[in-house]
Amino acid sequence: MSRIGKKPVPVGAAKVSVAGQQVKVEGPKGKLDLNVHPAITVKMDDAKKELVVTRKDDERQSKALHGLTRALLANMVEGVLKGYSKNMEIQGVGYKAELKGKVLALSVGYANQVELEVPANLEVTLDGVTKILIAGADKQAVGEFAARVRRVRKPEPYKGKGIRFAGEKIKLKPGKAFAGAGAAK
């Protein structure tokens, strides 16, 4: 049996409703829902306030979906109770970010600003012009939008300029050596 899949998911203060293959989770940070694969069954244990995930057979795909479904449900519960966030930094002379309503405008060395539409279920806040905080209840949506922002201008390996996650270490390469150093012999 799946080691992750057999652990029950504690619900805590979240409101959970299970209707067939549809699981809905609601909390102070938002609402999320998941369509569960037919090979997996999810039951709510009201006495213990836990979600229990089981599978119908021992097929390879069922085993994989067992652990996956439990992990997705645990992420949903944590997301609606605590939320998820990603901190990002912009490094480079003249590089900055602006928030224009629900559009994140990035000035990162291109001729024009790059504008990214912020998804409805996410919140983006700026701390100054070089720090971006992306927050929301859906872990996948927060990570996906953060990756889209980083993809606009990845940190380059020579000076480290670009958009990076907070605390991300970029291994810098040495530049070209001085051309006349060894040639004058």
C-alpha atoms as a PDB file:
ATOM      1  CA  MET A   1       0.000   0.000   0.000  1.00  0.00           C
ATOM      2  CA  SER A   2       1.166   3.530  -0.715  1.00  0.00           C
ATOM      3  CA  ARG A   3       2.947   4.980   2.295  1.00  0.00           C
ATOM      4  CA  ILE A   4       1.725   8.469   1.521  1.00  0.00           C
ATOM      5  CA  GLY A   5      -1.718   7.387   0.318  1.00  0.00           C
ATOM      6  CA  LYS A   6      -2.659   5.463   3.458  1.00  0.00           C
ATOM      7  CA  LYS A   7      -2.132   8.476   5.756  1.00  0.00           C
ATOM      8  CA  PRO A   8      -5.404  10.282   6.439  1.00  0.00           C
ATOM      9  CA  VAL A   9      -5.574  14.018   5.678  1.00  0.00           C
ATOM     10  CA  PRO A  10      -6.473  16.058   8.784  1.00  0.00           C
ATOM     11  CA  VAL A  11      -9.058  18.660   7.802  1.00  0.00           C
ATOM     12  CA  GLY A  12      -8.879  21.022  10.775  1.00  0.00           C
ATOM     13  CA  ALA A  13     -11.080  24.123  10.404  1.00  0.00           C
ATOM     14  CA  ALA A  14     -11.668  23.655   6.658  1.00  0.00           C
ATOM     15  CA  LYS A  15     -15.125  22.721   5.373  1.00  0.00           C
ATOM     16  CA  VAL A  16     -14.929  19.642   3.151  1.00  0.00           C
ATOM     17  CA  SER A  17     -17.699  18.117   1.051  1.00  0.00           C
ATOM     18  CA  VAL A  18     -17.347  14.876  -0.884  1.00  0.00           C
ATOM     19  CA  ALA A  19     -19.947  14.145  -3.567  1.00  0.00           C
ATOM     20  CA  GLY A  20     -19.000  11.087  -5.618  1.00  0.00           C
ATOM     21  CA  GLN A  21     -15.691  11.874  -7.332  1.00  0.00           C
ATOM     22  CA  GLN A  22     -15.910  15.628  -6.585  1.00  0.00           C
ATOM     23  CA  VAL A  23     -14.125  16.963  -3.464  1.00  0.00           C
ATOM     24  CA  LYS A  24     -14.651  20.599  -2.431  1.00  0.00           C
ATOM     25  CA  VAL A  25     -12.587  22.313   0.261  1.00  0.00           C
ATOM     26  CA  GLU A  26     -13.429  25.723   1.670  1.00  0.00           C
ATOM     27  CA  GLY A  27     -11.563  27.855   4.188  1.00  0.00           C
ATOM     28  CA  PRO A  28     -10.619  31.427   5.087  1.00  0.00           C
ATOM     29  CA  LYS A  29      -8.161  31.747   2.153  1.00  0.00           C
ATOM     30  CA  GLY A  30     -10.530  30.502  -0.554  1.00  0.00           C
ATOM     31  CA  LYS A  31     -12.323  27.562  -2.172  1.00  0.00           C
ATOM     32  CA  LEU A  32     -10.763  24.702  -4.131  1.00  0.00           C
ATOM     33  CA  ASP A  33     -12.204  21.609  -5.785  1.00  0.00           C
ATOM     34  CA  LEU A  34     -10.797  18.410  -7.258  1.00  0.00           C
ATOM     35  CA  ASN A  35     -12.226  15.749  -9.562  1.00  0.00           C
ATOM     36  CA  VAL A  36     -10.851  12.444  -8.294  1.00  0.00           C
ATOM     37  CA  HIS A  37      -9.972   9.608 -10.705  1.00  0.00           C
ATOM     38  CA  PRO A  38     -12.565   6.779 -10.766  1.00  0.00           C
ATOM     39  CA  ALA A  39     -10.005   4.242  -9.462  1.00  0.00           C
ATOM     40  CA  ILE A  40      -9.719   6.234  -6.207  1.00  0.00           C
ATOM     41  CA  THR A  41     -12.366   6.749  -3.523  1.00  0.00           C
ATOM     42  CA  VAL A  42     -12.332   9.570  -0.984  1.00  0.00           C
ATOM     43  CA  LYS A  43     -14.400   9.457   2.194  1.00  0.00           C
ATOM     44  CA  MET A  44     -14.832  12.065   4.918  1.00  0.00           C
ATOM     45  CA  ASP A  45     -14.538  10.721   8.477  1.00  0.00           C
ATOM     46  CA  ASP A  46     -16.597  13.283  10.418  1.00  0.00           C
ATOM     47  CA  ALA A  47     -15.732  11.819  13.840  1.00  0.00           C
ATOM     48  CA  LYS A  48     -11.975  12.275  13.371  1.00  0.00           C
ATOM     49  CA  LYS A  49     -12.279  15.229  10.929  1.00  0.00           C
ATOM     50  CA  GLU A  50     -10.105  13.432   8.352  1.00  0.00           C
ATOM     51  CA  LEU A  51     -10.207  12.606   4.664  1.00  0.00           C
ATOM     52  CA  VAL A  52      -9.430   8.948   3.923  1.00  0.00           C
ATOM     53  CA  VAL A  53      -8.187   7.994   0.452  1.00  0.00           C
ATOM     54  CA  THR A  54      -8.455   4.378  -0.751  1.00  0.00           C
ATOM     55  CA  ARG A  55      -7.951   2.606  -4.073  1.00  0.00           C
ATOM     56  CA  LYS A  56     -10.000  -0.163  -5.646  1.00  0.00           C
ATOM     57  CA  ASP A  57      -7.198  -2.450  -6.889  1.00  0.00           C
ATOM     58  CA  ASP A  58      -3.423  -2.891  -6.900  1.00  0.00           C
ATOM     59  CA  GLU A  59      -2.815  -1.875 -10.508  1.00  0.00           C
ATOM     60  CA  ARG A  60       0.272   0.232 -11.142  1.00  0.00           C
ATOM     61  CA  GLN A  61      -1.730   3.324 -12.127  1.00  0.00           C
ATOM     62  CA  SER A  62      -4.034   2.976  -9.109  1.00  0.00           C
ATOM     63  CA  LYS A  63      -1.039   2.847  -6.775  1.00  0.00           C
ATOM     64  CA  ALA A  64       0.401   6.004  -8.338  1.00  0.00           C
ATOM     65  CA  LEU A  65      -2.929   7.833  -8.204  1.00  0.00           C
ATOM     66  CA  HIS A  66      -3.442   6.816  -4.556  1.00  0.00           C
ATOM     67  CA  GLY A  67      -0.475   8.802  -3.255  1.00  0.00           C
ATOM     68  CA  LEU A  68      -1.009  11.625  -5.757  1.00  0.00           C
ATOM     69  CA  THR A  69      -4.644  12.145  -4.754  1.00  0.00           C
ATOM     70  CA  ARG A  70      -3.789  12.184  -1.052  1.00  0.00           C
ATOM     71  CA  ALA A  71      -1.004  14.736  -1.648  1.00  0.00           C
ATOM     72  CA  LEU A  72      -3.300  16.955  -3.742  1.00  0.00           C
ATOM     73  CA  LEU A  73      -5.990  16.871  -1.037  1.00  0.00           C
ATOM     74  CA  ALA A  74      -3.443  17.701   1.681  1.00  0.00           C
ATOM     75  CA  ASN A  75      -2.201  20.652  -0.420  1.00  0.00           C
ATOM     76  CA  MET A  76      -5.778  21.847  -0.918  1.00  0.00           C
ATOM     77  CA  VAL A  77      -6.526  21.764   2.821  1.00  0.00           C
ATOM     78  CA  GLU A  78      -3.285  23.563   3.683  1.00  0.00           C
ATOM     79  CA  GLY A  79      -3.909  26.097   0.915  1.00  0.00           C
ATOM     80  CA  VAL A  80      -7.370  27.131   2.103  1.00  0.00           C
ATOM     81  CA  LEU A  81      -6.218  27.319   5.735  1.00  0.00           C
ATOM     82  CA  LYS A  82      -2.727  28.900   5.480  1.00  0.00           C
ATOM     83  CA  GLY A  83      -2.188  29.704   1.802  1.00  0.00           C
ATOM     84  CA  TYR A  84       0.968  29.463  -0.293  1.00  0.00           C
ATOM     85  CA  SER A  85       3.385  32.174  -1.348  1.00  0.00           C
ATOM     86  CA  LYS A  86       6.533  32.669  -3.419  1.00  0.00           C
ATOM     87  CA  ASN A  87       8.970  35.541  -2.961  1.00  0.00           C
ATOM     88  CA  MET A  88      10.876  36.754  -6.011  1.00  0.00           C
ATOM     89  CA  GLU A  89      13.693  39.268  -6.508  1.00  0.00           C
ATOM     90  CA  ILE A  90      14.689  41.318  -9.521  1.00  0.00           C
ATOM     91  CA  GLN A  91      18.398  42.101  -9.903  1.00  0.00           C
ATOM     92  CA  GLY A  92      19.932  44.369 -12.503  1.00  0.00           C
ATOM     93  CA  VAL A  93      20.464  48.068 -13.103  1.00  0.00           C
ATOM     94  CA  GLY A  94      17.167  49.673 -14.107  1.00  0.00           C
ATOM     95  CA  TYR A  95      15.197  46.433 -13.711  1.00  0.00           C
ATOM     96  CA  LYS A  96      11.865  46.946 -11.925  1.00  0.00           C
ATOM     97  CA  ALA A  97       8.301  45.714 -11.554  1.00  0.00           C
ATOM     98  CA  GLU A  98       5.042  47.679 -11.469  1.00  0.00           C
ATOM     99  CA  LEU A  99       1.514  46.608 -10.656  1.00  0.00           C
ATOM    100  CA  LYS A 100      -1.154  48.148 -12.914  1.00  0.00           C
ATOM    101  CA  GLY A 101      -4.436  46.828 -11.544  1.00  0.00           C
ATOM    102  CA  LYS A 102      -4.370  43.070 -12.265  1.00  0.00           C
ATOM    103  CA  VAL A 103      -1.385  43.329 -14.636  1.00  0.00           C
ATOM    104  CA  LEU A 104       2.228  42.860 -13.551  1.00  0.00           C
ATOM    105  CA  ALA A 105       4.482  45.027 -15.746  1.00  0.00           C
ATOM    106  CA  LEU A 106       8.172  44.058 -15.788  1.00  0.00           C
ATOM    107  CA  SER A 107      10.948  46.327 -17.092  1.00  0.00           C
ATOM    108  CA  VAL A 108      13.878  43.931 -17.389  1.00  0.00           C
ATOM    109  CA  GLY A 109      16.119  45.179 -20.172  1.00  0.00           C
ATOM    110  CA  TYR A 110      13.862  44.685 -23.177  1.00  0.00           C
ATOM    111  CA  ALA A 111      12.728  47.527 -25.468  1.00  0.00           C
ATOM    112  CA  ASN A 112       9.171  47.264 -24.099  1.00  0.00           C
ATOM    113  CA  GLN A 113       7.695  46.355 -20.745  1.00  0.00           C
ATOM    114  CA  VAL A 114       6.560  42.752 -20.431  1.00  0.00           C
ATOM    115  CA  GLU A 115       3.014  42.612 -19.065  1.00  0.00           C
ATOM    116  CA  LEU A 116       1.641  39.494 -17.381  1.00  0.00           C
ATOM    117  CA  GLU A 117      -2.028  39.131 -16.456  1.00  0.00           C
ATOM    118  CA  VAL A 118      -2.353  38.055 -12.803  1.00  0.00           C
ATOM    119  CA  PRO A 119      -4.759  35.073 -12.466  1.00  0.00           C
ATOM    120  CA  ALA A 120      -7.978  35.824 -10.568  1.00  0.00           C
ATOM    121  CA  ASN A 121      -7.224  33.388  -7.729  1.00  0.00           C
ATOM    122  CA  LEU A 122      -3.786  34.918  -6.944  1.00  0.00           C
ATOM    123  CA  GLU A 123      -2.608  38.069  -5.204  1.00  0.00           C
ATOM    124  CA  VAL A 124       0.561  39.844  -6.284  1.00  0.00           C
ATOM    125  CA  THR A 125       2.125  42.522  -4.080  1.00  0.00           C
ATOM    126  CA  LEU A 126       5.297  44.520  -4.546  1.00  0.00           C
ATOM    127  CA  ASP A 127       7.774  45.478  -1.839  1.00  0.00           C
ATOM    128  CA  GLY A 128       9.592  48.362  -3.496  1.00  0.00           C
ATOM    129  CA  VAL A 129      10.270  47.859  -7.194  1.00  0.00           C
ATOM    130  CA  THR A 130      12.503  44.782  -6.991  1.00  0.00           C
ATOM    131  CA  LYS A 131      10.640  42.390  -4.680  1.00  0.00           C
ATOM    132  CA  ILE A 132       7.520  40.491  -5.790  1.00  0.00           C
ATOM    133  CA  LEU A 133       5.275  38.395  -3.507  1.00  0.00           C
ATOM    134  CA  ILE A 134       2.873  35.951  -5.188  1.00  0.00           C
ATOM    135  CA  ALA A 135       0.257  34.432  -2.848  1.00  0.00           C
ATOM    136  CA  GLY A 136      -2.842  32.263  -3.158  1.00  0.00           C
ATOM    137  CA  ALA A 137      -4.649  29.155  -1.946  1.00  0.00           C
ATOM    138  CA  ASP A 138      -3.785  26.935  -4.939  1.00  0.00           C
ATOM    139  CA  LYS A 139      -0.192  25.646  -4.686  1.00  0.00           C
ATOM    140  CA  GLN A 140      -0.016  24.727  -8.368  1.00  0.00           C
ATOM    141  CA  ALA A 141      -1.285  28.139  -9.540  1.00  0.00           C
ATOM    142  CA  VAL A 142       1.176  30.031  -7.302  1.00  0.00           C
ATOM    143  CA  GLY A 143       4.125  27.963  -8.566  1.00  0.00           C
ATOM    144  CA  GLU A 144       3.037  28.191 -12.203  1.00  0.00           C
ATOM    145  CA  PHE A 145       2.676  31.990 -12.150  1.00  0.00           C
ATOM    146  CA  ALA A 146       6.001  32.381 -10.328  1.00  0.00           C
ATOM    147  CA  ALA A 147       7.663  30.247 -13.023  1.00  0.00           C
ATOM    148  CA  ARG A 148       6.060  32.409 -15.753  1.00  0.00           C
ATOM    149  CA  VAL A 149       7.416  35.565 -14.088  1.00  0.00           C
ATOM    150  CA  ARG A 150      10.908  34.045 -13.784  1.00  0.00           C
ATOM    151  CA  ARG A 151      10.808  32.894 -17.425  1.00  0.00           C
ATOM    152  CA  VAL A 152      10.529  36.539 -18.588  1.00  0.00           C
ATOM    153  CA  ARG A 153      14.214  37.106 -17.735  1.00  0.00           C
ATOM    154  CA  LYS A 154      16.037  34.161 -16.193  1.00  0.00           C
ATOM    155  CA  PRO A 155      19.141  35.008 -14.139  1.00  0.00           C
ATOM    156  CA  GLU A 156      22.102  35.023 -16.488  1.00  0.00           C
ATOM    157  CA  PRO A 157      25.287  33.210 -15.378  1.00  0.00           C
ATOM    158  CA  TYR A 158      27.855  36.014 -15.829  1.00  0.00           C
ATOM    159  CA  LYS A 159      26.512  38.928 -13.780  1.00  0.00           C
ATOM    160  CA  GLY A 160      23.447  37.288 -12.203  1.00  0.00           C
ATOM    161  CA  LYS A 161      21.001  39.845 -13.642  1.00  0.00           C
ATOM    162  CA  GLY A 162      17.388  38.741 -13.979  1.00  0.00           C
ATOM    163  CA  ILE A 163      14.388  37.530 -11.993  1.00  0.00           C
ATOM    164  CA  ARG A 164      15.000  34.866  -9.358  1.00  0.00           C
ATOM    165  CA  PHE A 165      13.288  33.256  -6.399  1.00  0.00           C
ATOM    166  CA  ALA A 166      14.255  34.802  -3.056  1.00  0.00           C
ATOM    167  CA  GLY A 167      17.294  33.004  -1.685  1.00  0.00           C
ATOM    168  CA  GLU A 168      18.074  31.281  -5.002  1.00  0.00           C
ATOM    169  CA  LYS A 169      21.815  30.922  -5.557  1.00  0.00           C
ATOM    170  CA  ILE A 170      23.099  31.498  -9.074  1.00  0.00           C
ATOM    171  CA  LYS A 171      26.469  29.959  -9.854  1.00  0.00           C
ATOM    172  CA  LEU A 172      28.373  32.685 -11.657  1.00  0.00           C
ATOM    173  CA  LYS A 173      30.770  31.781 -14.469  1.00  0.00           C
ATOM    174  CA  PRO A 174      34.090  33.554 -14.852  1.00  0.00           C
ATOM    175  CA  GLY A 175      34.242  35.971 -17.783  1.00  0.00           C
ATOM    176  CA  LYS A 176      36.804  35.814 -20.547  1.00  0.00           C
ATOM    177  CA  ALA A 177      40.383  36.091 -19.358  1.00  0.00           C
ATOM    178  CA  PHE A 178      42.429  39.071 -20.502  1.00  0.00           C
ATOM    179  CA  ALA A 179      43.552  38.277 -24.057  1.00  0.00           C
ATOM    180  CA  GLY A 180      47.139  39.498 -23.747  1.00  0.00           C
ATOM    181  CA  ALA A 181      48.003  37.720 -20.509  1.00  0.00           C
ATOM    182  CA  GLY A 182      49.825  34.718 -21.954  1.00  0.00           C
ATOM    183  CA  ALA A 183      50.313  35.770 -25.586  1.00  0.00           C
ATOM    184  CA  ALA A 184      53.380  38.027 -25.134  1.00  0.00           C
ATOM    185  CA  LYS A 185      55.967  35.250 -24.643  1.00  0.00           C
END
